[in-house]
């Protein structure tokens, strides 16, 4: 399997595609992600690709997700390679950032976690309701605020 064809989506089970739509999806990776080029390769008229993208939005997002998921092991290996390298690696900061971004987007990146624990006892009650606020009015000359 070539590096490009591994990302070509299979036909979606829930939806029937026209021949041009399937061709567009097949050509999207071959076109390097350029939807205009993929639409032209599929036989669409020039300038129609925005409508094609809108019609196939979910499939395009699914394809992008598959590409990132398939790139995750390579991203992880790049992080380890840069970490263990004895000699300087050209553009290592850029490569690390790209690898981290891929891993973050598929859910393997650093997780921000918030631990919220709240204990409710029968003695204190669980709910406290405040009375409604009274509306405030401002006089025309803005010197004082009165509470009605």
N, C-alpha and C. Protein backbone atom coordinates (compact mmCIF):
# COMPACT_ATOMS: atom_id res chain seq x y z
N UNK A 1 0.84 -1.17 0.00
CA UNK A 1 0.00 0.00 0.00
C UNK A 1 0.90 1.24 0.00
N UNK A 2 0.62 2.16 -0.88
CA UNK A 2 1.43 3.37 -0.95
C UNK A 2 1.07 4.30 0.20
N UNK A 3 1.94 5.28 0.44
CA UNK A 3 1.70 6.21 1.54
C UNK A 3 0.44 7.03 1.31
N UNK A 4 0.11 7.33 0.07
CA UNK A 4 -1.07 8.13 -0.22
C UNK A 4 -2.34 7.29 -0.11
N UNK A 5 -2.35 6.09 -0.68
CA UNK A 5 -3.58 5.31 -0.72
C UNK A 5 -4.01 4.81 0.64
N UNK A 6 -3.16 4.81 1.64
CA UNK A 6 -3.57 4.34 2.96
C UNK A 6 -4.61 5.27 3.57
N UNK A 7 -4.70 6.50 3.10
CA UNK A 7 -5.65 7.45 3.66
C UNK A 7 -6.94 7.55 2.86
N UNK A 8 -7.02 6.93 1.71
CA UNK A 8 -8.21 7.05 0.88
C UNK A 8 -9.38 6.41 1.61
N UNK A 9 -10.46 7.16 1.79
CA UNK A 9 -11.58 6.61 2.56
C UNK A 9 -12.32 5.53 1.80
N UNK A 10 -12.88 4.61 2.55
CA UNK A 10 -13.74 3.61 1.95
C UNK A 10 -15.14 4.19 1.88
N UNK A 11 -16.00 3.58 1.10
CA UNK A 11 -17.36 4.11 0.98
C UNK A 11 -18.05 4.08 2.34
N UNK A 12 -18.73 5.17 2.63
CA UNK A 12 -19.45 5.30 3.88
C UNK A 12 -20.65 4.36 3.85
N UNK A 13 -20.89 3.62 4.92
CA UNK A 13 -21.93 2.60 4.94
C UNK A 13 -23.33 3.19 4.94
N UNK A 14 -23.52 4.35 5.55
CA UNK A 14 -24.85 4.91 5.72
C UNK A 14 -25.29 5.79 4.55
N UNK A 15 -24.42 6.08 3.65
CA UNK A 15 -24.74 7.06 2.62
C UNK A 15 -24.30 6.57 1.26
N UNK A 16 -25.10 6.86 0.27
CA UNK A 16 -24.75 6.54 -1.11
C UNK A 16 -24.13 7.80 -1.73
N UNK A 17 -23.01 7.61 -2.41
CA UNK A 17 -22.33 8.72 -3.06
C UNK A 17 -22.51 8.63 -4.56
N UNK A 18 -22.50 9.81 -5.18
CA UNK A 18 -22.44 9.82 -6.63
C UNK A 18 -21.02 9.43 -7.03
N UNK A 19 -20.84 9.12 -8.27
CA UNK A 19 -19.50 8.75 -8.74
C UNK A 19 -18.52 9.90 -8.55
N UNK A 20 -18.98 11.13 -8.78
CA UNK A 20 -18.10 12.30 -8.62
C UNK A 20 -17.75 12.52 -7.15
N UNK A 21 -18.71 12.33 -6.25
CA UNK A 21 -18.44 12.52 -4.83
C UNK A 21 -17.40 11.51 -4.34
N UNK A 22 -17.56 10.25 -4.73
CA UNK A 22 -16.60 9.23 -4.33
C UNK A 22 -15.23 9.54 -4.91
N UNK A 23 -15.22 10.00 -6.16
CA UNK A 23 -13.95 10.36 -6.81
C UNK A 23 -13.30 11.53 -6.08
N UNK A 24 -14.10 12.50 -5.67
CA UNK A 24 -13.57 13.63 -4.91
C UNK A 24 -12.89 13.15 -3.64
N UNK A 25 -13.58 12.28 -2.87
CA UNK A 25 -13.01 11.76 -1.63
C UNK A 25 -11.74 10.96 -1.90
N UNK A 26 -11.75 10.17 -2.96
CA UNK A 26 -10.57 9.39 -3.31
C UNK A 26 -9.39 10.28 -3.71
N UNK A 27 -9.70 11.39 -4.36
CA UNK A 27 -8.64 12.27 -4.86
C UNK A 27 -8.18 13.32 -3.85
N UNK A 28 -8.89 13.47 -2.77
CA UNK A 28 -8.56 14.51 -1.80
C UNK A 28 -7.16 14.33 -1.23
N UNK A 29 -6.78 13.11 -0.90
CA UNK A 29 -5.44 12.86 -0.37
C UNK A 29 -4.42 12.96 -1.49
N UNK A 30 -4.75 12.45 -2.65
CA UNK A 30 -3.82 12.53 -3.79
C UNK A 30 -3.51 13.97 -4.14
N UNK A 31 -4.48 14.86 -3.89
CA UNK A 31 -4.31 16.28 -4.19
C UNK A 31 -3.65 17.02 -3.03
N UNK A 32 -3.14 16.29 -2.05
CA UNK A 32 -2.47 16.93 -0.92
C UNK A 32 -3.42 17.69 -0.02
N UNK A 33 -4.71 17.34 -0.02
CA UNK A 33 -5.70 18.01 0.81
C UNK A 33 -6.32 19.22 0.15
N UNK A 34 -5.91 19.55 -1.07
CA UNK A 34 -6.44 20.71 -1.78
C UNK A 34 -7.79 20.33 -2.39
N UNK A 35 -8.88 20.83 -1.78
CA UNK A 35 -10.22 20.46 -2.23
C UNK A 35 -10.52 20.96 -3.64
N UNK A 36 -9.94 22.10 -4.03
CA UNK A 36 -10.17 22.62 -5.38
C UNK A 36 -9.60 21.65 -6.41
N UNK A 37 -8.37 21.20 -6.19
CA UNK A 37 -7.73 20.27 -7.11
C UNK A 37 -8.46 18.94 -7.11
N UNK A 38 -8.86 18.45 -5.93
CA UNK A 38 -9.58 17.18 -5.85
C UNK A 38 -10.90 17.25 -6.61
N UNK A 39 -11.60 18.38 -6.51
CA UNK A 39 -12.87 18.54 -7.24
C UNK A 39 -12.63 18.53 -8.74
N UNK A 40 -11.59 19.21 -9.19
CA UNK A 40 -11.28 19.20 -10.62
C UNK A 40 -10.89 17.80 -11.09
N UNK A 41 -10.12 17.07 -10.29
CA UNK A 41 -9.74 15.70 -10.63
C UNK A 41 -10.96 14.79 -10.71
N UNK A 42 -11.99 15.09 -9.91
CA UNK A 42 -13.21 14.29 -9.89
C UNK A 42 -14.16 14.65 -11.03
N UNK A 43 -13.85 15.73 -11.74
CA UNK A 43 -14.68 16.12 -12.88
C UNK A 43 -15.68 17.21 -12.60
N UNK A 44 -15.58 17.86 -11.45
CA UNK A 44 -16.47 18.98 -11.16
C UNK A 44 -16.02 20.21 -11.93
N UNK A 45 -16.96 21.09 -12.21
CA UNK A 45 -16.66 22.35 -12.90
C UNK A 45 -15.84 23.24 -11.97
N UNK A 46 -14.97 24.08 -12.54
CA UNK A 46 -14.18 25.00 -11.71
C UNK A 46 -15.09 25.89 -10.87
N UNK A 47 -14.70 26.12 -9.64
CA UNK A 47 -15.46 26.99 -8.75
C UNK A 47 -16.58 26.31 -7.99
N UNK A 48 -16.81 25.04 -8.22
CA UNK A 48 -17.90 24.32 -7.55
C UNK A 48 -17.45 23.68 -6.26
N UNK A 49 -16.13 23.60 -6.04
CA UNK A 49 -15.62 22.85 -4.89
C UNK A 49 -16.17 23.29 -3.53
N UNK A 50 -16.50 24.58 -3.29
CA UNK A 50 -17.06 24.91 -1.97
C UNK A 50 -18.37 24.16 -1.68
N UNK A 51 -19.21 23.98 -2.70
CA UNK A 51 -20.45 23.25 -2.51
C UNK A 51 -20.17 21.77 -2.26
N UNK A 52 -19.16 21.23 -2.93
CA UNK A 52 -18.79 19.83 -2.74
C UNK A 52 -18.29 19.63 -1.32
N UNK A 53 -17.48 20.56 -0.84
CA UNK A 53 -16.95 20.48 0.52
C UNK A 53 -18.08 20.53 1.54
N UNK A 54 -19.04 21.43 1.34
CA UNK A 54 -20.18 21.53 2.26
C UNK A 54 -20.98 20.22 2.27
N UNK A 55 -21.17 19.63 1.10
CA UNK A 55 -21.96 18.39 1.00
C UNK A 55 -21.24 17.21 1.65
N UNK A 56 -19.92 17.22 1.65
CA UNK A 56 -19.13 16.09 2.16
C UNK A 56 -18.33 16.45 3.41
N UNK A 57 -18.79 17.45 4.13
CA UNK A 57 -18.07 17.96 5.29
C UNK A 57 -17.74 16.86 6.31
N UNK A 58 -18.73 16.06 6.67
CA UNK A 58 -18.50 15.02 7.68
C UNK A 58 -17.46 14.00 7.20
N UNK A 59 -17.52 13.64 5.95
CA UNK A 59 -16.58 12.67 5.40
C UNK A 59 -15.17 13.24 5.35
N UNK A 60 -15.06 14.53 5.05
CA UNK A 60 -13.74 15.19 4.99
C UNK A 60 -13.14 15.24 6.40
N UNK A 61 -13.96 15.56 7.39
CA UNK A 61 -13.48 15.60 8.78
C UNK A 61 -13.06 14.20 9.21
N UNK A 62 -13.84 13.19 8.84
CA UNK A 62 -13.48 11.81 9.18
C UNK A 62 -12.15 11.42 8.52
N UNK A 63 -11.96 11.84 7.29
CA UNK A 63 -10.70 11.57 6.59
C UNK A 63 -9.52 12.23 7.30
N UNK A 64 -9.70 13.49 7.69
CA UNK A 64 -8.63 14.20 8.41
C UNK A 64 -8.32 13.51 9.73
N UNK A 65 -9.35 13.06 10.41
CA UNK A 65 -9.15 12.34 11.67
C UNK A 65 -8.38 11.05 11.46
N UNK A 66 -8.70 10.33 10.38
CA UNK A 66 -7.97 9.10 10.06
C UNK A 66 -6.51 9.38 9.76
N UNK A 67 -6.25 10.45 9.04
CA UNK A 67 -4.87 10.81 8.71
C UNK A 67 -4.08 11.11 9.99
N UNK A 68 -4.68 11.88 10.89
CA UNK A 68 -4.00 12.18 12.15
C UNK A 68 -3.79 10.93 12.99
N UNK A 69 -4.79 10.06 13.04
CA UNK A 69 -4.66 8.83 13.82
C UNK A 69 -3.56 7.94 13.25
N UNK A 70 -3.46 7.87 11.93
CA UNK A 70 -2.42 7.04 11.32
C UNK A 70 -1.05 7.67 11.46
N UNK A 71 -1.00 8.97 11.69
CA UNK A 71 0.27 9.65 11.87
C UNK A 71 0.73 9.67 13.32
N UNK A 72 -0.13 9.28 14.24
CA UNK A 72 0.19 9.33 15.67
C UNK A 72 1.41 8.50 16.05
N UNK A 73 1.55 7.26 15.58
CA UNK A 73 2.75 6.51 15.96
C UNK A 73 4.04 7.18 15.48
N UNK A 74 3.99 7.73 14.29
CA UNK A 74 5.16 8.43 13.75
C UNK A 74 5.48 9.66 14.61
N UNK A 75 4.44 10.36 15.04
CA UNK A 75 4.63 11.54 15.90
C UNK A 75 5.24 11.13 17.24
N UNK A 76 4.75 10.05 17.80
CA UNK A 76 5.30 9.57 19.07
C UNK A 76 6.76 9.16 18.91
N UNK A 77 7.07 8.48 17.83
CA UNK A 77 8.45 8.06 17.58
C UNK A 77 9.36 9.27 17.38
N UNK A 78 8.86 10.32 16.75
CA UNK A 78 9.66 11.52 16.53
C UNK A 78 9.99 12.19 17.87
N UNK A 79 9.03 12.23 18.77
CA UNK A 79 9.30 12.79 20.09
C UNK A 79 10.40 12.02 20.81
N UNK A 80 10.32 10.70 20.75
CA UNK A 80 11.33 9.87 21.40
C UNK A 80 12.69 10.03 20.71
N UNK A 81 12.68 10.08 19.38
CA UNK A 81 13.92 10.24 18.62
C UNK A 81 14.63 11.54 18.98
N UNK A 82 13.89 12.63 19.04
CA UNK A 82 14.49 13.93 19.39
C UNK A 82 14.97 13.90 20.84
N UNK A 83 14.22 13.27 21.70
CA UNK A 83 14.59 13.21 23.11
C UNK A 83 15.89 12.42 23.31
N UNK A 84 16.07 11.33 22.57
CA UNK A 84 17.21 10.46 22.76
C UNK A 84 18.42 10.81 21.89
N UNK A 85 18.28 11.78 21.01
CA UNK A 85 19.36 12.12 20.09
C UNK A 85 20.55 12.71 20.85
N UNK A 86 21.75 12.22 20.50
CA UNK A 86 22.98 12.75 21.09
C UNK A 86 23.46 13.99 20.33
N UNK A 87 23.23 13.98 19.03
CA UNK A 87 23.63 15.11 18.17
C UNK A 87 22.43 16.02 17.95
N UNK A 88 22.67 17.28 17.67
CA UNK A 88 21.57 18.20 17.40
C UNK A 88 20.80 17.76 16.14
N UNK A 89 19.49 17.92 16.18
CA UNK A 89 18.62 17.59 15.05
C UNK A 89 18.12 18.90 14.46
N UNK A 90 18.34 19.11 13.15
CA UNK A 90 17.85 20.35 12.53
C UNK A 90 16.33 20.49 12.69
N UNK A 91 15.91 21.66 13.02
CA UNK A 91 14.50 22.01 13.19
C UNK A 91 13.80 21.13 14.23
N UNK A 92 14.50 20.72 15.26
CA UNK A 92 13.91 19.82 16.26
C UNK A 92 12.73 20.46 16.98
N UNK A 93 12.79 21.76 17.24
CA UNK A 93 11.67 22.43 17.92
C UNK A 93 10.40 22.38 17.08
N UNK A 94 10.55 22.60 15.79
CA UNK A 94 9.39 22.57 14.89
C UNK A 94 8.84 21.15 14.81
N UNK A 95 9.71 20.16 14.73
CA UNK A 95 9.28 18.77 14.65
C UNK A 95 8.58 18.34 15.94
N UNK A 96 9.10 18.77 17.07
CA UNK A 96 8.47 18.44 18.35
C UNK A 96 7.09 19.08 18.44
N UNK A 97 6.97 20.33 18.05
CA UNK A 97 5.68 21.01 18.10
C UNK A 97 4.66 20.32 17.19
N UNK A 98 5.09 19.93 15.99
CA UNK A 98 4.19 19.25 15.07
C UNK A 98 3.74 17.91 15.65
N UNK A 99 4.68 17.16 16.20
CA UNK A 99 4.35 15.86 16.79
C UNK A 99 3.40 16.04 17.97
N UNK A 100 3.66 17.03 18.83
CA UNK A 100 2.79 17.27 19.98
C UNK A 100 1.39 17.67 19.52
N UNK A 101 1.29 18.47 18.49
CA UNK A 101 -0.01 18.89 17.99
C UNK A 101 -0.81 17.71 17.48
N UNK A 102 -0.17 16.82 16.74
CA UNK A 102 -0.86 15.62 16.25
C UNK A 102 -1.36 14.79 17.43
N UNK A 103 -0.50 14.55 18.39
CA UNK A 103 -0.89 13.74 19.54
C UNK A 103 -1.99 14.42 20.36
N UNK A 104 -1.94 15.74 20.50
CA UNK A 104 -2.99 16.47 21.21
C UNK A 104 -4.33 16.31 20.51
N UNK A 105 -4.32 16.41 19.19
CA UNK A 105 -5.57 16.38 18.43
C UNK A 105 -6.23 15.01 18.41
N UNK A 106 -5.46 13.96 18.61
CA UNK A 106 -6.08 12.64 18.66
C UNK A 106 -6.35 12.20 20.09
N UNK A 107 -6.01 13.05 21.06
CA UNK A 107 -6.33 12.77 22.45
C UNK A 107 -5.22 12.16 23.26
N UNK A 108 -4.00 12.13 22.76
CA UNK A 108 -2.89 11.56 23.51
C UNK A 108 -1.97 12.61 24.10
N UNK A 109 -2.33 13.86 23.96
CA UNK A 109 -1.48 14.92 24.47
C UNK A 109 -1.68 15.14 25.95
N UNK A 110 -1.05 16.18 26.44
CA UNK A 110 -1.15 16.55 27.84
C UNK A 110 -2.60 16.86 28.15
N UNK A 111 -3.09 16.27 29.21
CA UNK A 111 -4.49 16.47 29.60
C UNK A 111 -4.56 17.47 30.73
N UNK A 112 -5.43 18.44 30.59
CA UNK A 112 -5.72 19.38 31.68
C UNK A 112 -6.88 18.79 32.45
N UNK A 113 -6.63 18.45 33.69
CA UNK A 113 -7.67 17.80 34.49
C UNK A 113 -8.01 18.67 35.68
N UNK A 114 -9.27 18.71 35.96
CA UNK A 114 -9.76 19.43 37.12
C UNK A 114 -10.51 18.42 37.97
N UNK A 115 -10.10 18.29 39.22
CA UNK A 115 -10.75 17.37 40.13
C UNK A 115 -11.69 18.16 41.01
N UNK A 116 -12.96 17.89 40.90
CA UNK A 116 -13.96 18.60 41.68
C UNK A 116 -14.62 17.60 42.60
N UNK A 117 -14.43 17.79 43.89
CA UNK A 117 -15.08 16.95 44.90
C UNK A 117 -15.96 17.83 45.75
N UNK A 118 -17.19 17.44 45.88
CA UNK A 118 -18.13 18.19 46.71
C UNK A 118 -18.92 17.19 47.53
N UNK A 119 -18.79 17.28 48.82
CA UNK A 119 -19.51 16.37 49.71
C UNK A 119 -20.75 17.07 50.23
N UNK A 120 -21.85 16.40 50.16
CA UNK A 120 -23.11 16.94 50.64
C UNK A 120 -23.53 16.12 51.85
N UNK A 121 -23.69 16.80 52.96
CA UNK A 121 -24.17 16.10 54.15
C UNK A 121 -25.62 16.48 54.39
N UNK A 122 -26.31 15.64 55.09
CA UNK A 122 -27.72 15.90 55.36
C UNK A 122 -27.93 17.11 56.27
N UNK A 123 -26.92 17.44 57.08
CA UNK A 123 -27.06 18.54 58.03
C UNK A 123 -26.97 19.92 57.37
N UNK A 124 -26.15 20.05 56.35
CA UNK A 124 -25.93 21.37 55.75
C UNK A 124 -26.84 21.65 54.58
N UNK A 125 -27.37 20.66 53.95
CA UNK A 125 -28.22 20.87 52.78
C UNK A 125 -27.39 21.00 51.53
N UNK A 126 -27.99 20.77 50.42
CA UNK A 126 -27.27 20.75 49.16
C UNK A 126 -27.53 21.98 48.31
N UNK A 127 -28.54 22.76 48.67
CA UNK A 127 -28.93 23.84 47.79
C UNK A 127 -29.24 25.08 48.60
N UNK A 128 -28.77 26.20 48.16
CA UNK A 128 -29.04 27.47 48.81
C UNK A 128 -29.59 28.41 47.76
N UNK A 129 -30.78 28.91 47.96
CA UNK A 129 -31.44 29.75 46.97
C UNK A 129 -31.45 31.19 47.47
N UNK A 130 -30.97 32.10 46.66
CA UNK A 130 -30.96 33.52 46.99
C UNK A 130 -32.25 34.16 46.48
N UNK A 131 -32.71 35.22 47.17
CA UNK A 131 -33.91 35.91 46.66
C UNK A 131 -33.56 36.68 45.39
N UNK A 132 -34.57 36.96 44.62
CA UNK A 132 -34.37 37.70 43.38
C UNK A 132 -33.87 39.11 43.68
N UNK A 133 -33.03 39.63 42.80
CA UNK A 133 -32.51 40.99 42.98
C UNK A 133 -33.57 42.00 42.59
N UNK A 134 -33.54 43.12 43.29
CA UNK A 134 -34.44 44.22 42.93
C UNK A 134 -33.79 45.02 41.82
N UNK A 135 -34.55 45.48 40.86
CA UNK A 135 -33.95 46.26 39.77
C UNK A 135 -33.40 47.59 40.27
N UNK A 136 -32.31 48.05 39.71
CA UNK A 136 -31.70 49.33 40.04
C UNK A 136 -32.05 50.33 38.95
N UNK A 137 -32.28 51.57 39.36
CA UNK A 137 -32.55 52.62 38.38
C UNK A 137 -31.50 53.70 38.52
N UNK A 138 -31.18 54.36 37.44
CA UNK A 138 -30.18 55.42 37.42
C UNK A 138 -30.89 56.72 37.05
N UNK A 139 -30.69 57.77 37.88
CA UNK A 139 -31.29 59.07 37.57
C UNK A 139 -30.60 59.68 36.37
N UNK A 140 -31.29 60.62 35.74
CA UNK A 140 -30.77 61.23 34.51
C UNK A 140 -29.47 61.95 34.70
N UNK A 141 -29.23 62.55 35.85
CA UNK A 141 -27.99 63.29 36.02
C UNK A 141 -26.88 62.41 36.61
N UNK A 142 -27.09 61.12 36.77
CA UNK A 142 -26.10 60.14 37.17
C UNK A 142 -25.43 60.44 38.52
N UNK A 143 -26.11 61.19 39.39
CA UNK A 143 -25.50 61.52 40.66
C UNK A 143 -25.76 60.43 41.72
N UNK A 144 -26.88 59.77 41.64
CA UNK A 144 -27.19 58.79 42.65
C UNK A 144 -27.94 57.62 42.03
N UNK A 145 -27.83 56.50 42.68
CA UNK A 145 -28.54 55.31 42.25
C UNK A 145 -29.55 54.97 43.33
N UNK A 146 -30.78 54.78 42.92
CA UNK A 146 -31.79 54.46 43.91
C UNK A 146 -32.22 53.01 43.74
N UNK A 147 -32.55 52.38 44.83
CA UNK A 147 -33.03 51.00 44.83
C UNK A 147 -34.55 51.04 44.98
N UNK A 148 -35.27 50.47 44.06
CA UNK A 148 -36.74 50.43 44.15
C UNK A 148 -37.19 49.09 44.66
